[in-house]
């Protein structure tokens, strides 16, 4: 997954940047609305690289709720097409991600967008945003969040999972967040105690600064 930029249209050093004016109409939005929805973490973009007979091609799929738009880019940067649906164009791509990999990648992209906007989100709202298929959508979110926490520890980053809150815990993540943080060696207190709130506030501020450059005066979505 990659975070979709909305202020230019170019390919620079392999990075694909699409203009809001190009993408927005395909998703039924005005450019200003697209940028606002991106800031809310409502827009995701999947970039796939072709292999074998499709070597050199890149497929970009932009998704906004039930709408999606796909384009295929030639090696020289020219668009091959802009009208196929995400499922209709048979571009052969490298199958390297399992369903859990895909959810974790989508989750990190959406949370990075949330951090850029200075927002938090609930577990339920995140499951709806990613349009996960039942059953056990919250469990799918939990598994993916724990994977992101493992990655963040290995990379020496703050927990981006701190942006995800439980409606039932007064602005804190679920107990599983603290249990996972304990297993990873970052938390040693009571998940229901005062130390949990202090630990979470520290991680949330650090995550927002790392990915979004702001403090934790945020609103929870959903």
N, C-alpha and C. Protein backbone atom coordinates (compact mmCIF):
# COMPACT_ATOMS: atom_id res chain seq x y z
N UNK A 1 0.84 -1.19 0.00
CA UNK A 1 0.00 0.00 0.00
C UNK A 1 0.88 1.25 0.00
N UNK A 2 0.34 2.30 -0.55
CA UNK A 2 1.02 3.58 -0.52
C UNK A 2 0.02 4.68 -0.23
N UNK A 3 0.45 5.72 0.43
CA UNK A 3 -0.44 6.85 0.69
C UNK A 3 -0.53 7.69 -0.55
N UNK A 4 -1.72 7.95 -1.02
CA UNK A 4 -1.94 8.68 -2.26
C UNK A 4 -1.74 10.17 -2.06
N UNK A 5 -0.83 10.77 -2.79
CA UNK A 5 -0.65 12.21 -2.76
C UNK A 5 -1.65 12.85 -3.70
N UNK A 6 -2.10 14.08 -3.39
CA UNK A 6 -3.19 14.67 -4.17
C UNK A 6 -2.87 16.07 -4.66
N UNK A 7 -1.59 16.40 -4.83
CA UNK A 7 -1.28 17.78 -5.22
C UNK A 7 -0.45 17.85 -6.50
N UNK A 8 -0.20 16.72 -7.15
CA UNK A 8 0.61 16.73 -8.37
C UNK A 8 0.35 15.46 -9.15
N UNK A 9 0.88 15.39 -10.37
CA UNK A 9 0.75 14.20 -11.19
C UNK A 9 2.08 13.92 -11.85
N UNK A 10 2.81 12.94 -11.31
CA UNK A 10 4.14 12.67 -11.83
C UNK A 10 4.64 11.33 -11.33
N UNK A 11 5.73 10.86 -11.93
CA UNK A 11 6.45 9.70 -11.44
C UNK A 11 7.89 10.14 -11.24
N UNK A 12 8.32 10.16 -10.00
CA UNK A 12 9.66 10.63 -9.68
C UNK A 12 10.38 9.58 -8.85
N UNK A 13 11.51 9.08 -9.36
CA UNK A 13 12.28 8.04 -8.66
C UNK A 13 11.40 6.86 -8.27
N UNK A 14 10.49 6.51 -9.16
CA UNK A 14 9.63 5.36 -8.91
C UNK A 14 8.41 5.66 -8.07
N UNK A 15 8.29 6.86 -7.52
CA UNK A 15 7.13 7.22 -6.70
C UNK A 15 6.02 7.76 -7.59
N UNK A 16 4.83 7.20 -7.47
CA UNK A 16 3.69 7.59 -8.29
C UNK A 16 2.87 8.63 -7.53
N UNK A 17 2.67 9.78 -8.14
CA UNK A 17 1.89 10.86 -7.53
C UNK A 17 0.78 11.24 -8.50
N UNK A 18 -0.47 11.16 -8.06
CA UNK A 18 -1.62 11.44 -8.91
C UNK A 18 -2.31 12.71 -8.45
N UNK A 19 -2.73 13.53 -9.40
CA UNK A 19 -3.41 14.78 -9.08
C UNK A 19 -4.82 14.51 -8.59
N UNK A 20 -5.27 15.32 -7.64
CA UNK A 20 -6.64 15.18 -7.14
C UNK A 20 -7.64 15.37 -8.25
N UNK A 21 -7.34 16.27 -9.19
CA UNK A 21 -8.25 16.53 -10.30
C UNK A 21 -8.40 15.30 -11.20
N UNK A 22 -7.38 14.43 -11.20
CA UNK A 22 -7.43 13.21 -12.00
C UNK A 22 -8.23 12.12 -11.29
N UNK A 23 -8.02 11.99 -10.00
CA UNK A 23 -8.60 10.88 -9.24
C UNK A 23 -10.03 11.15 -8.80
N UNK A 24 -10.28 12.38 -8.32
CA UNK A 24 -11.56 12.68 -7.67
C UNK A 24 -12.79 12.33 -8.51
N UNK A 25 -12.85 12.71 -9.79
CA UNK A 25 -14.07 12.40 -10.56
C UNK A 25 -14.34 10.91 -10.67
N UNK A 26 -13.28 10.10 -10.70
CA UNK A 26 -13.48 8.65 -10.81
C UNK A 26 -14.08 8.07 -9.54
N UNK A 27 -13.94 8.78 -8.43
CA UNK A 27 -14.47 8.31 -7.16
C UNK A 27 -15.75 9.04 -6.77
N UNK A 28 -16.26 9.88 -7.69
CA UNK A 28 -17.50 10.60 -7.42
C UNK A 28 -17.33 11.75 -6.45
N UNK A 29 -16.14 12.34 -6.42
CA UNK A 29 -15.84 13.42 -5.47
C UNK A 29 -15.32 14.64 -6.21
N UNK A 30 -15.41 15.79 -5.55
CA UNK A 30 -14.71 16.98 -6.00
C UNK A 30 -13.28 16.90 -5.45
N UNK A 31 -12.31 17.56 -6.11
CA UNK A 31 -10.92 17.48 -5.62
C UNK A 31 -10.77 17.88 -4.16
N UNK A 32 -11.48 18.94 -3.74
CA UNK A 32 -11.37 19.37 -2.35
C UNK A 32 -11.92 18.30 -1.40
N UNK A 33 -13.01 17.66 -1.82
CA UNK A 33 -13.60 16.60 -1.00
C UNK A 33 -12.67 15.40 -0.93
N UNK A 34 -12.00 15.08 -2.04
CA UNK A 34 -11.05 13.97 -2.04
C UNK A 34 -9.95 14.22 -1.03
N UNK A 35 -9.39 15.41 -1.03
CA UNK A 35 -8.32 15.71 -0.09
C UNK A 35 -8.81 15.62 1.35
N UNK A 36 -10.03 16.07 1.59
CA UNK A 36 -10.59 15.99 2.94
C UNK A 36 -10.78 14.53 3.36
N UNK A 37 -11.28 13.70 2.43
CA UNK A 37 -11.48 12.29 2.74
C UNK A 37 -10.16 11.57 2.95
N UNK A 38 -9.13 11.97 2.22
CA UNK A 38 -7.80 11.39 2.43
C UNK A 38 -7.30 11.71 3.83
N UNK A 39 -7.51 12.94 4.27
CA UNK A 39 -7.08 13.34 5.60
C UNK A 39 -7.81 12.56 6.68
N UNK A 40 -9.04 12.16 6.39
CA UNK A 40 -9.81 11.37 7.33
C UNK A 40 -9.47 9.88 7.25
N UNK A 41 -8.58 9.51 6.36
CA UNK A 41 -8.20 8.12 6.22
C UNK A 41 -9.19 7.28 5.45
N UNK A 42 -10.05 7.93 4.65
CA UNK A 42 -11.10 7.22 3.94
C UNK A 42 -10.68 6.73 2.55
N UNK A 43 -9.51 7.15 2.08
CA UNK A 43 -9.05 6.78 0.74
C UNK A 43 -7.79 5.93 0.88
N UNK A 44 -7.80 4.79 0.22
CA UNK A 44 -6.63 3.91 0.22
C UNK A 44 -6.17 3.69 -1.22
N UNK A 45 -4.89 3.43 -1.38
CA UNK A 45 -4.32 3.22 -2.71
C UNK A 45 -3.42 1.99 -2.69
N UNK A 46 -3.67 1.07 -3.60
CA UNK A 46 -2.87 -0.15 -3.73
C UNK A 46 -2.04 -0.06 -4.99
N UNK A 47 -0.72 -0.26 -4.89
CA UNK A 47 0.18 -0.25 -6.04
C UNK A 47 0.76 -1.64 -6.21
N UNK A 48 0.59 -2.22 -7.42
CA UNK A 48 1.08 -3.56 -7.71
C UNK A 48 2.05 -3.51 -8.89
N UNK A 49 3.09 -4.33 -8.83
CA UNK A 49 4.10 -4.38 -9.88
C UNK A 49 3.93 -5.66 -10.69
N UNK A 50 3.86 -5.54 -12.02
CA UNK A 50 3.67 -6.70 -12.88
C UNK A 50 4.90 -7.58 -12.94
N UNK A 51 4.67 -8.88 -13.18
CA UNK A 51 5.76 -9.84 -13.33
C UNK A 51 5.53 -10.65 -14.61
N UNK A 52 6.57 -11.43 -15.00
CA UNK A 52 6.50 -12.28 -16.18
C UNK A 52 6.12 -11.45 -17.41
N UNK A 53 5.01 -11.79 -18.10
CA UNK A 53 4.66 -11.05 -19.32
C UNK A 53 4.23 -9.62 -19.03
N UNK A 54 3.93 -9.31 -17.78
CA UNK A 54 3.54 -7.95 -17.40
C UNK A 54 4.69 -7.19 -16.73
N UNK A 55 5.89 -7.70 -16.85
CA UNK A 55 7.05 -7.05 -16.26
C UNK A 55 7.15 -5.60 -16.73
N UNK A 56 7.37 -4.70 -15.80
CA UNK A 56 7.51 -3.28 -16.12
C UNK A 56 6.24 -2.48 -15.99
N UNK A 57 5.08 -3.17 -15.93
CA UNK A 57 3.82 -2.47 -15.75
C UNK A 57 3.53 -2.26 -14.27
N UNK A 58 2.84 -1.20 -13.97
CA UNK A 58 2.41 -0.91 -12.61
C UNK A 58 0.91 -0.67 -12.60
N UNK A 59 0.20 -1.33 -11.72
CA UNK A 59 -1.24 -1.13 -11.59
C UNK A 59 -1.52 -0.38 -10.29
N UNK A 60 -2.28 0.70 -10.41
CA UNK A 60 -2.63 1.52 -9.25
C UNK A 60 -4.15 1.46 -9.07
N UNK A 61 -4.60 1.04 -7.91
CA UNK A 61 -6.02 0.99 -7.60
C UNK A 61 -6.31 1.92 -6.43
N UNK A 62 -7.17 2.90 -6.66
CA UNK A 62 -7.56 3.85 -5.62
C UNK A 62 -8.97 3.49 -5.18
N UNK A 63 -9.18 3.43 -3.86
CA UNK A 63 -10.47 2.96 -3.35
C UNK A 63 -11.04 3.98 -2.36
N UNK A 64 -12.33 4.25 -2.54
CA UNK A 64 -13.07 5.11 -1.61
C UNK A 64 -14.42 4.45 -1.35
N UNK A 65 -14.57 3.85 -0.18
CA UNK A 65 -15.76 3.10 0.17
C UNK A 65 -16.04 2.06 -0.93
N UNK A 66 -17.22 2.10 -1.54
CA UNK A 66 -17.57 1.08 -2.54
C UNK A 66 -17.04 1.40 -3.93
N UNK A 67 -16.46 2.58 -4.11
CA UNK A 67 -15.96 2.98 -5.42
C UNK A 67 -14.46 2.67 -5.53
N UNK A 68 -14.03 2.28 -6.73
CA UNK A 68 -12.61 2.10 -6.97
C UNK A 68 -12.29 2.51 -8.40
N UNK A 69 -11.05 2.90 -8.61
CA UNK A 69 -10.58 3.29 -9.94
C UNK A 69 -9.19 2.72 -10.13
N UNK A 70 -8.96 2.11 -11.28
CA UNK A 70 -7.69 1.45 -11.55
C UNK A 70 -7.07 1.99 -12.83
N UNK A 71 -5.78 2.24 -12.80
CA UNK A 71 -5.05 2.56 -14.02
C UNK A 71 -3.79 1.71 -14.08
N UNK A 72 -3.33 1.46 -15.28
CA UNK A 72 -2.11 0.69 -15.50
C UNK A 72 -1.09 1.61 -16.16
N UNK A 73 0.10 1.66 -15.61
CA UNK A 73 1.13 2.58 -16.08
C UNK A 73 2.23 1.80 -16.79
N UNK A 74 2.57 2.25 -17.99
CA UNK A 74 3.63 1.63 -18.78
C UNK A 74 5.00 1.97 -18.17
N UNK A 75 6.06 1.24 -18.55
CA UNK A 75 7.39 1.52 -18.02
C UNK A 75 7.86 2.95 -18.25
N UNK A 76 7.38 3.59 -19.33
CA UNK A 76 7.79 4.97 -19.61
C UNK A 76 6.93 5.99 -18.87
N UNK A 77 6.00 5.50 -18.02
CA UNK A 77 5.18 6.40 -17.23
C UNK A 77 3.85 6.74 -17.84
N UNK A 78 3.60 6.30 -19.08
CA UNK A 78 2.33 6.60 -19.72
C UNK A 78 1.24 5.67 -19.19
N UNK A 79 0.02 6.19 -19.08
CA UNK A 79 -1.11 5.39 -18.64
C UNK A 79 -1.57 4.51 -19.80
N UNK A 80 -1.73 3.23 -19.53
CA UNK A 80 -2.27 2.34 -20.55
C UNK A 80 -3.79 2.48 -20.62
N UNK A 81 -4.44 2.62 -19.45
CA UNK A 81 -5.90 2.74 -19.42
C UNK A 81 -6.33 3.33 -18.09
N UNK A 82 -7.53 3.91 -18.09
CA UNK A 82 -8.04 4.50 -16.87
C UNK A 82 -9.49 4.12 -16.61
N UNK A 83 -9.97 3.08 -17.26
CA UNK A 83 -11.38 2.77 -17.16
C UNK A 83 -11.70 1.38 -16.63
N UNK A 84 -10.73 0.51 -16.48
CA UNK A 84 -11.03 -0.82 -15.97
C UNK A 84 -11.35 -0.77 -14.49
N UNK A 85 -12.20 -1.70 -14.06
CA UNK A 85 -12.45 -1.83 -12.63
C UNK A 85 -11.30 -2.60 -12.00
N UNK A 86 -11.25 -2.61 -10.69
CA UNK A 86 -10.14 -3.27 -9.99
C UNK A 86 -10.08 -4.75 -10.28
N UNK A 87 -11.22 -5.36 -10.62
CA UNK A 87 -11.24 -6.81 -10.82
C UNK A 87 -11.26 -7.21 -12.28
N UNK A 88 -11.38 -6.26 -13.21
CA UNK A 88 -11.60 -6.62 -14.61
C UNK A 88 -10.33 -6.74 -15.43
N UNK A 89 -9.25 -6.09 -15.02
CA UNK A 89 -8.04 -6.10 -15.83
C UNK A 89 -7.10 -7.20 -15.35
N UNK A 90 -6.78 -8.18 -16.19
CA UNK A 90 -6.03 -9.35 -15.75
C UNK A 90 -4.52 -9.13 -15.73
N UNK A 91 -4.08 -8.11 -15.02
CA UNK A 91 -2.64 -7.89 -14.89
C UNK A 91 -2.06 -8.94 -13.93
N UNK A 92 -1.03 -9.62 -14.35
CA UNK A 92 -0.42 -10.63 -13.51
C UNK A 92 0.54 -9.96 -12.55
N UNK A 93 0.33 -10.17 -11.27
CA UNK A 93 1.18 -9.54 -10.25
C UNK A 93 1.77 -10.59 -9.34
N UNK A 94 2.81 -10.20 -8.64
CA UNK A 94 3.50 -11.12 -7.75
C UNK A 94 2.65 -11.39 -6.52
N UNK A 95 2.36 -12.64 -6.24
CA UNK A 95 1.53 -13.00 -5.10
C UNK A 95 2.41 -13.20 -3.87
N UNK A 96 2.65 -12.12 -3.16
CA UNK A 96 3.54 -12.20 -2.00
C UNK A 96 2.83 -11.96 -0.69
N UNK A 97 1.59 -11.47 -0.73
CA UNK A 97 0.91 -11.11 0.51
C UNK A 97 -0.29 -12.02 0.75
N UNK A 98 -0.39 -12.53 1.97
CA UNK A 98 -1.57 -13.27 2.38
C UNK A 98 -2.66 -12.26 2.73
N UNK A 99 -3.84 -12.77 3.05
CA UNK A 99 -4.92 -11.88 3.46
C UNK A 99 -4.52 -11.07 4.68
N UNK A 100 -3.80 -11.67 5.61
CA UNK A 100 -3.37 -10.94 6.80
C UNK A 100 -2.36 -9.86 6.44
N UNK A 101 -1.48 -10.17 5.49
CA UNK A 101 -0.53 -9.16 5.02
C UNK A 101 -1.29 -7.98 4.43
N UNK A 102 -2.30 -8.29 3.62
CA UNK A 102 -3.06 -7.23 2.95
C UNK A 102 -3.77 -6.33 3.96
N UNK A 103 -4.40 -6.94 4.96
CA UNK A 103 -5.11 -6.15 5.97
C UNK A 103 -4.13 -5.27 6.73
N UNK A 104 -2.97 -5.84 7.09
CA UNK A 104 -1.98 -5.06 7.84
C UNK A 104 -1.46 -3.89 7.01
N UNK A 105 -1.24 -4.11 5.71
CA UNK A 105 -0.75 -3.04 4.84
C UNK A 105 -1.79 -1.94 4.70
N UNK A 106 -3.05 -2.34 4.48
CA UNK A 106 -4.13 -1.36 4.38
C UNK A 106 -4.29 -0.59 5.68
N UNK A 107 -4.17 -1.32 6.78
CA UNK A 107 -4.34 -0.71 8.09
C UNK A 107 -3.27 0.35 8.34
N UNK A 108 -2.02 0.02 8.04
CA UNK A 108 -0.97 1.00 8.29
C UNK A 108 -1.17 2.25 7.43
N UNK A 109 -1.55 2.06 6.17
CA UNK A 109 -1.79 3.21 5.30
C UNK A 109 -2.89 4.10 5.85
N UNK A 110 -4.00 3.48 6.26
CA UNK A 110 -5.11 4.27 6.79
C UNK A 110 -4.73 4.98 8.08
N UNK A 111 -3.96 4.32 8.95
CA UNK A 111 -3.56 4.95 10.21
C UNK A 111 -2.56 6.07 9.97
N UNK A 112 -1.71 5.93 8.97
CA UNK A 112 -0.81 7.02 8.63
C UNK A 112 -1.60 8.23 8.15
N UNK A 113 -2.65 7.99 7.36
CA UNK A 113 -3.52 9.09 6.94
C UNK A 113 -4.21 9.72 8.13
N UNK A 114 -4.66 8.90 9.09
CA UNK A 114 -5.29 9.43 10.30
C UNK A 114 -4.30 10.28 11.09
N UNK A 115 -3.07 9.81 11.22
CA UNK A 115 -2.07 10.56 11.96
C UNK A 115 -1.78 11.89 11.29
N UNK A 116 -1.72 11.89 9.95
CA UNK A 116 -1.47 13.12 9.21
C UNK A 116 -2.56 14.15 9.46
N UNK A 117 -3.78 13.66 9.72
CA UNK A 117 -4.91 14.56 9.98
C UNK A 117 -5.08 14.83 11.48
N UNK A 118 -4.24 14.22 12.33
CA UNK A 118 -4.35 14.43 13.76
C UNK A 118 -5.56 13.77 14.38
N UNK A 119 -5.97 12.62 13.84
CA UNK A 119 -7.20 11.95 14.28
C UNK A 119 -6.91 10.59 14.88
N UNK A 120 -7.82 10.14 15.75
CA UNK A 120 -7.84 8.76 16.19
C UNK A 120 -9.10 8.11 15.61
N UNK A 121 -9.25 6.80 15.84
CA UNK A 121 -10.38 6.07 15.27
C UNK A 121 -10.71 4.89 16.17
N UNK A 122 -11.97 4.47 16.19
CA UNK A 122 -12.35 3.31 16.98
C UNK A 122 -12.16 2.03 16.17
N UNK A 123 -12.16 0.90 16.89
CA UNK A 123 -12.00 -0.39 16.24
C UNK A 123 -13.13 -0.64 15.24
N UNK A 124 -14.36 -0.35 15.65
CA UNK A 124 -15.49 -0.58 14.77
C UNK A 124 -15.43 0.28 13.52
N UNK A 125 -15.08 1.56 13.69
CA UNK A 125 -14.99 2.46 12.54
C UNK A 125 -13.88 2.02 11.60
N UNK A 126 -12.80 1.49 12.15
CA UNK A 126 -11.69 1.03 11.32
C UNK A 126 -12.10 -0.20 10.51
N UNK A 127 -12.84 -1.10 11.12
CA UNK A 127 -13.32 -2.29 10.39
C UNK A 127 -14.24 -1.88 9.25
N UNK A 128 -15.09 -0.88 9.50
CA UNK A 128 -15.99 -0.41 8.43
C UNK A 128 -15.20 0.31 7.34
N UNK A 129 -14.21 1.08 7.75
CA UNK A 129 -13.40 1.82 6.79
C UNK A 129 -12.68 0.87 5.83
N UNK A 130 -12.14 -0.21 6.37
CA UNK A 130 -11.41 -1.18 5.55
C UNK A 130 -12.35 -2.15 4.84
N UNK A 131 -13.65 -2.05 5.16
CA UNK A 131 -14.66 -2.91 4.54
C UNK A 131 -14.28 -4.39 4.66
N UNK A 132 -13.92 -4.79 5.88
CA UNK A 132 -13.54 -6.18 6.11
C UNK A 132 -14.76 -7.08 6.06
N UNK A 133 -14.56 -8.28 5.56
CA UNK A 133 -15.65 -9.23 5.44
C UNK A 133 -15.81 -10.01 6.73
N UNK A 134 -17.05 -10.15 7.24
CA UNK A 134 -17.27 -10.96 8.43
C UNK A 134 -17.04 -12.43 8.11
N UNK A 135 -16.87 -13.27 9.12
CA UNK A 135 -17.03 -12.96 10.54
C UNK A 135 -15.75 -12.41 11.16
N UNK A 136 -15.85 -12.03 12.44
CA UNK A 136 -14.71 -11.66 13.27
C UNK A 136 -13.91 -10.49 12.71
N UNK A 137 -14.60 -9.44 12.30
CA UNK A 137 -13.89 -8.29 11.73
C UNK A 137 -13.01 -7.61 12.77
N UNK A 138 -13.47 -7.52 14.01
CA UNK A 138 -12.66 -6.88 15.05
C UNK A 138 -11.42 -7.73 15.34
N UNK A 139 -11.58 -9.04 15.30
CA UNK A 139 -10.42 -9.92 15.49
C UNK A 139 -9.41 -9.71 14.37
N UNK A 140 -9.87 -9.53 13.14
CA UNK A 140 -8.97 -9.26 12.02
C UNK A 140 -8.18 -7.97 12.27
N UNK A 141 -8.88 -6.96 12.79
CA UNK A 141 -8.22 -5.69 13.11
C UNK A 141 -7.18 -5.91 14.20
N UNK A 142 -7.54 -6.67 15.23
CA UNK A 142 -6.64 -6.90 16.36
C UNK A 142 -5.37 -7.62 15.91
N UNK A 143 -5.52 -8.65 15.09
CA UNK A 143 -4.36 -9.40 14.59
C UNK A 143 -3.45 -8.48 13.78
N UNK A 144 -4.05 -7.65 12.91
CA UNK A 144 -3.25 -6.74 12.09
C UNK A 144 -2.56 -5.69 12.94
N UNK A 145 -3.24 -5.18 13.96
CA UNK A 145 -2.63 -4.17 14.83
C UNK A 145 -1.44 -4.75 15.58
N UNK A 146 -1.57 -5.98 16.04
CA UNK A 146 -0.44 -6.59 16.75
C UNK A 146 0.74 -6.79 15.81
N UNK A 147 0.47 -7.08 14.57
CA UNK A 147 1.56 -7.18 13.59
C UNK A 147 2.24 -5.82 13.41
N UNK A 148 1.45 -4.75 13.32
CA UNK A 148 2.03 -3.41 13.18
C UNK A 148 2.85 -3.05 14.41
N UNK A 149 2.39 -3.44 15.58
CA UNK A 149 3.14 -3.17 16.80
C UNK A 149 4.50 -3.88 16.79
N UNK A 150 4.50 -5.13 16.32
CA UNK A 150 5.76 -5.86 16.19
C UNK A 150 6.70 -5.15 15.23
N UNK A 151 6.18 -4.72 14.09
CA UNK A 151 7.00 -4.01 13.11
C UNK A 151 7.55 -2.71 13.68
N UNK A 152 6.72 -2.00 14.46
CA UNK A 152 7.15 -0.72 15.01
C UNK A 152 8.25 -0.92 16.05
N UNK A 153 8.15 -1.98 16.84
CA UNK A 153 9.21 -2.27 17.81
C UNK A 153 10.52 -2.59 17.09
N UNK A 154 10.44 -3.41 16.05
CA UNK A 154 11.63 -3.80 15.31
C UNK A 154 12.29 -2.60 14.64
N UNK A 155 11.48 -1.61 14.24
CA UNK A 155 12.00 -0.42 13.56
C UNK A 155 12.30 0.73 14.53
N UNK A 156 12.02 0.51 15.83
CA UNK A 156 12.28 1.57 16.80
C UNK A 156 11.32 2.74 16.69
N UNK A 157 10.08 2.48 16.26
CA UNK A 157 9.08 3.54 16.08
C UNK A 157 8.05 3.48 17.20
N UNK A 158 7.34 4.59 17.45
CA UNK A 158 6.20 4.54 18.37
C UNK A 158 5.09 3.70 17.78
N UNK A 159 4.19 3.22 18.62
CA UNK A 159 3.11 2.35 18.17
C UNK A 159 2.05 3.16 17.41
N UNK A 160 1.94 2.94 16.11
CA UNK A 160 0.86 3.59 15.36
C UNK A 160 -0.49 3.02 15.78
N UNK A 161 -0.49 1.83 16.38
CA UNK A 161 -1.73 1.22 16.88
C UNK A 161 -2.34 2.03 18.01
N UNK A 162 -1.60 2.95 18.59
CA UNK A 162 -2.13 3.79 19.66
C UNK A 162 -3.25 4.69 19.17
N UNK A 163 -3.37 4.87 17.85
CA UNK A 163 -4.44 5.71 17.30
C UNK A 163 -5.81 5.04 17.35
N UNK A 164 -5.83 3.74 17.63
CA UNK A 164 -7.09 2.98 17.59
C UNK A 164 -7.61 2.83 19.02
N UNK A 165 -8.82 3.32 19.26
CA UNK A 165 -9.38 3.40 20.60
C UNK A 165 -10.63 2.54 20.74
N UNK A 166 -10.91 2.16 21.97
CA UNK A 166 -12.11 1.41 22.30
C UNK A 166 -13.16 2.34 22.87
N UNK A 167 -14.38 2.29 22.32
CA UNK A 167 -15.48 3.12 22.85
C UNK A 167 -15.77 2.77 24.31
N UNK A 168 -15.50 1.53 24.68
CA UNK A 168 -15.86 1.06 26.02
C UNK A 168 -14.81 1.38 27.07
N UNK A 169 -13.67 1.96 26.68
CA UNK A 169 -12.58 2.15 27.65
C UNK A 169 -12.19 3.62 27.81
N UNK A 170 -13.10 4.52 27.52
CA UNK A 170 -12.87 5.92 27.83
C UNK A 170 -11.66 6.54 27.17
N UNK A 171 -11.47 6.25 25.88
CA UNK A 171 -10.37 6.86 25.16
C UNK A 171 -9.09 6.06 25.17
N UNK A 172 -9.12 4.84 25.69
CA UNK A 172 -7.96 3.96 25.67
C UNK A 172 -8.15 2.86 24.63
N UNK A 173 -7.05 2.27 24.16
CA UNK A 173 -7.18 1.08 23.32
C UNK A 173 -7.71 -0.10 24.14
N UNK A 174 -8.04 -1.17 23.46
CA UNK A 174 -8.47 -2.39 24.13
C UNK A 174 -7.33 -2.97 24.97
N UNK A 175 -7.68 -3.83 25.89
CA UNK A 175 -6.67 -4.44 26.77
C UNK A 175 -5.60 -5.15 25.95
N UNK A 176 -5.99 -5.72 24.81
CA UNK A 176 -5.02 -6.44 23.99
C UNK A 176 -3.86 -5.58 23.54
N UNK A 177 -4.08 -4.27 23.36
CA UNK A 177 -2.99 -3.36 22.99
C UNK A 177 -1.91 -3.37 24.06
N UNK A 178 -2.33 -3.31 25.32
CA UNK A 178 -1.38 -3.28 26.42
C UNK A 178 -0.73 -4.65 26.64
N UNK A 179 -1.51 -5.72 26.43
CA UNK A 179 -0.93 -7.06 26.55
C UNK A 179 0.15 -7.26 25.50
N UNK A 180 -0.11 -6.81 24.26
CA UNK A 180 0.88 -6.94 23.21
C UNK A 180 2.10 -6.07 23.51
N UNK A 181 1.87 -4.85 24.00
CA UNK A 181 2.99 -3.97 24.35
C UNK A 181 3.84 -4.59 25.45
N UNK A 182 3.20 -5.31 26.38
CA UNK A 182 3.96 -5.99 27.43
C UNK A 182 4.82 -7.10 26.84
N UNK A 183 4.22 -7.90 25.94
CA UNK A 183 4.99 -8.99 25.32
C UNK A 183 6.18 -8.45 24.53
N UNK A 184 6.02 -7.25 23.98
CA UNK A 184 7.09 -6.65 23.17
C UNK A 184 8.08 -5.85 24.02
N UNK A 185 7.86 -5.82 25.34
CA UNK A 185 8.82 -5.21 26.24
C UNK A 185 8.70 -3.71 26.42
N UNK A 186 7.57 -3.12 26.04
CA UNK A 186 7.41 -1.66 26.17
C UNK A 186 6.51 -1.25 27.32
N UNK A 187 5.76 -2.17 27.86
CA UNK A 187 4.81 -1.82 28.91
C UNK A 187 4.86 -2.87 30.00
N UNK A 188 4.84 -2.41 31.26
CA UNK A 188 4.96 -3.35 32.36
C UNK A 188 3.89 -3.15 33.43
N UNK A 189 2.89 -2.33 33.15
CA UNK A 189 1.90 -2.01 34.17
C UNK A 189 0.60 -2.78 34.02
N UNK A 190 -0.43 -2.26 34.69
CA UNK A 190 -1.78 -2.83 34.67
C UNK A 190 -2.55 -2.21 33.50
N UNK A 191 -3.07 -3.04 32.58
CA UNK A 191 -3.82 -2.49 31.44
C UNK A 191 -5.03 -1.66 31.84
N UNK A 192 -5.50 -1.86 33.09
CA UNK A 192 -6.65 -1.12 33.57
C UNK A 192 -6.28 -0.05 34.59
N UNK A 193 -4.97 0.17 34.76
CA UNK A 193 -4.53 1.10 35.78
C UNK A 193 -4.16 2.47 35.23
N UNK A 194 -3.73 3.34 36.16
CA UNK A 194 -3.34 4.70 35.79
C UNK A 194 -2.15 4.68 34.84
N UNK A 195 -1.24 3.71 35.04
CA UNK A 195 -0.05 3.64 34.20
C UNK A 195 -0.40 3.36 32.74
N UNK A 196 -1.52 2.67 32.51
CA UNK A 196 -1.94 2.38 31.14
C UNK A 196 -2.31 3.67 30.42
N UNK A 197 -3.03 4.55 31.10
CA UNK A 197 -3.42 5.82 30.48
C UNK A 197 -2.19 6.67 30.19
N UNK A 198 -1.24 6.70 31.11
CA UNK A 198 -0.02 7.48 30.90
C UNK A 198 0.80 6.92 29.74
N UNK A 199 0.93 5.58 29.71
CA UNK A 199 1.68 4.93 28.64
C UNK A 199 1.04 5.21 27.29
N UNK A 200 -0.28 5.09 27.23
CA UNK A 200 -0.96 5.31 25.96
C UNK A 200 -0.82 6.75 25.50
N UNK A 201 -0.96 7.70 26.41
CA UNK A 201 -0.81 9.11 26.04
C UNK A 201 0.56 9.38 25.45
N UNK A 202 1.59 8.77 26.04
CA UNK A 202 2.96 8.96 25.54
C UNK A 202 3.10 8.36 24.15
N UNK A 203 2.58 7.14 23.95
CA UNK A 203 2.69 6.49 22.65
C UNK A 203 1.88 7.23 21.59
N UNK A 204 0.70 7.70 21.96
CA UNK A 204 -0.15 8.40 21.01
C UNK A 204 0.49 9.70 20.55
N UNK A 205 1.00 10.48 21.50
CA UNK A 205 1.70 11.72 21.14
C UNK A 205 2.90 11.44 20.24
N UNK A 206 3.67 10.41 20.59
CA UNK A 206 4.86 10.07 19.80
C UNK A 206 4.46 9.62 18.40
N UNK A 207 3.38 8.82 18.28
CA UNK A 207 2.94 8.34 16.97
C UNK A 207 2.46 9.49 16.10
N UNK A 208 1.69 10.41 16.68
CA UNK A 208 1.19 11.55 15.91
C UNK A 208 2.32 12.45 15.46
N UNK A 209 3.32 12.62 16.29
CA UNK A 209 4.47 13.44 15.90
C UNK A 209 5.30 12.74 14.83
N UNK A 210 5.44 11.42 14.96
CA UNK A 210 6.29 10.67 14.02
C UNK A 210 5.67 10.63 12.64
N UNK A 211 4.35 10.34 12.58
CA UNK A 211 3.70 10.18 11.28
C UNK A 211 2.93 11.42 10.82
N UNK A 212 2.55 12.26 11.76
CA UNK A 212 1.71 13.37 11.36
C UNK A 212 2.19 14.74 11.78
N UNK A 213 3.17 14.79 12.67
CA UNK A 213 3.71 16.08 13.09
C UNK A 213 2.77 16.90 13.93
N UNK A 214 1.93 16.23 14.78
CA UNK A 214 1.03 16.99 15.64
C UNK A 214 0.92 16.32 17.00
N UNK A 215 0.28 17.03 17.94
CA UNK A 215 0.08 16.51 19.28
C UNK A 215 -1.25 15.77 19.37
N UNK A 216 -1.48 15.11 20.50
CA UNK A 216 -2.63 14.23 20.64
C UNK A 216 -3.89 14.94 21.11
N UNK A 217 -4.18 16.07 20.52
CA UNK A 217 -5.47 16.71 20.78
C UNK A 217 -6.39 16.35 19.63
N UNK A 218 -6.81 15.08 19.56
CA UNK A 218 -7.50 14.56 18.38
C UNK A 218 -8.89 14.09 18.73
N UNK A 219 -9.68 13.97 17.68
CA UNK A 219 -11.05 13.48 17.81
C UNK A 219 -11.11 12.04 17.32
N UNK A 220 -11.90 11.22 18.00
CA UNK A 220 -12.06 9.83 17.58
C UNK A 220 -13.13 9.74 16.51
N UNK A 221 -12.82 9.01 15.44
CA UNK A 221 -13.80 8.82 14.36
C UNK A 221 -14.63 7.60 14.66
N UNK A 222 -15.93 7.70 14.35
CA UNK A 222 -16.81 6.54 14.36
C UNK A 222 -17.29 6.08 15.67
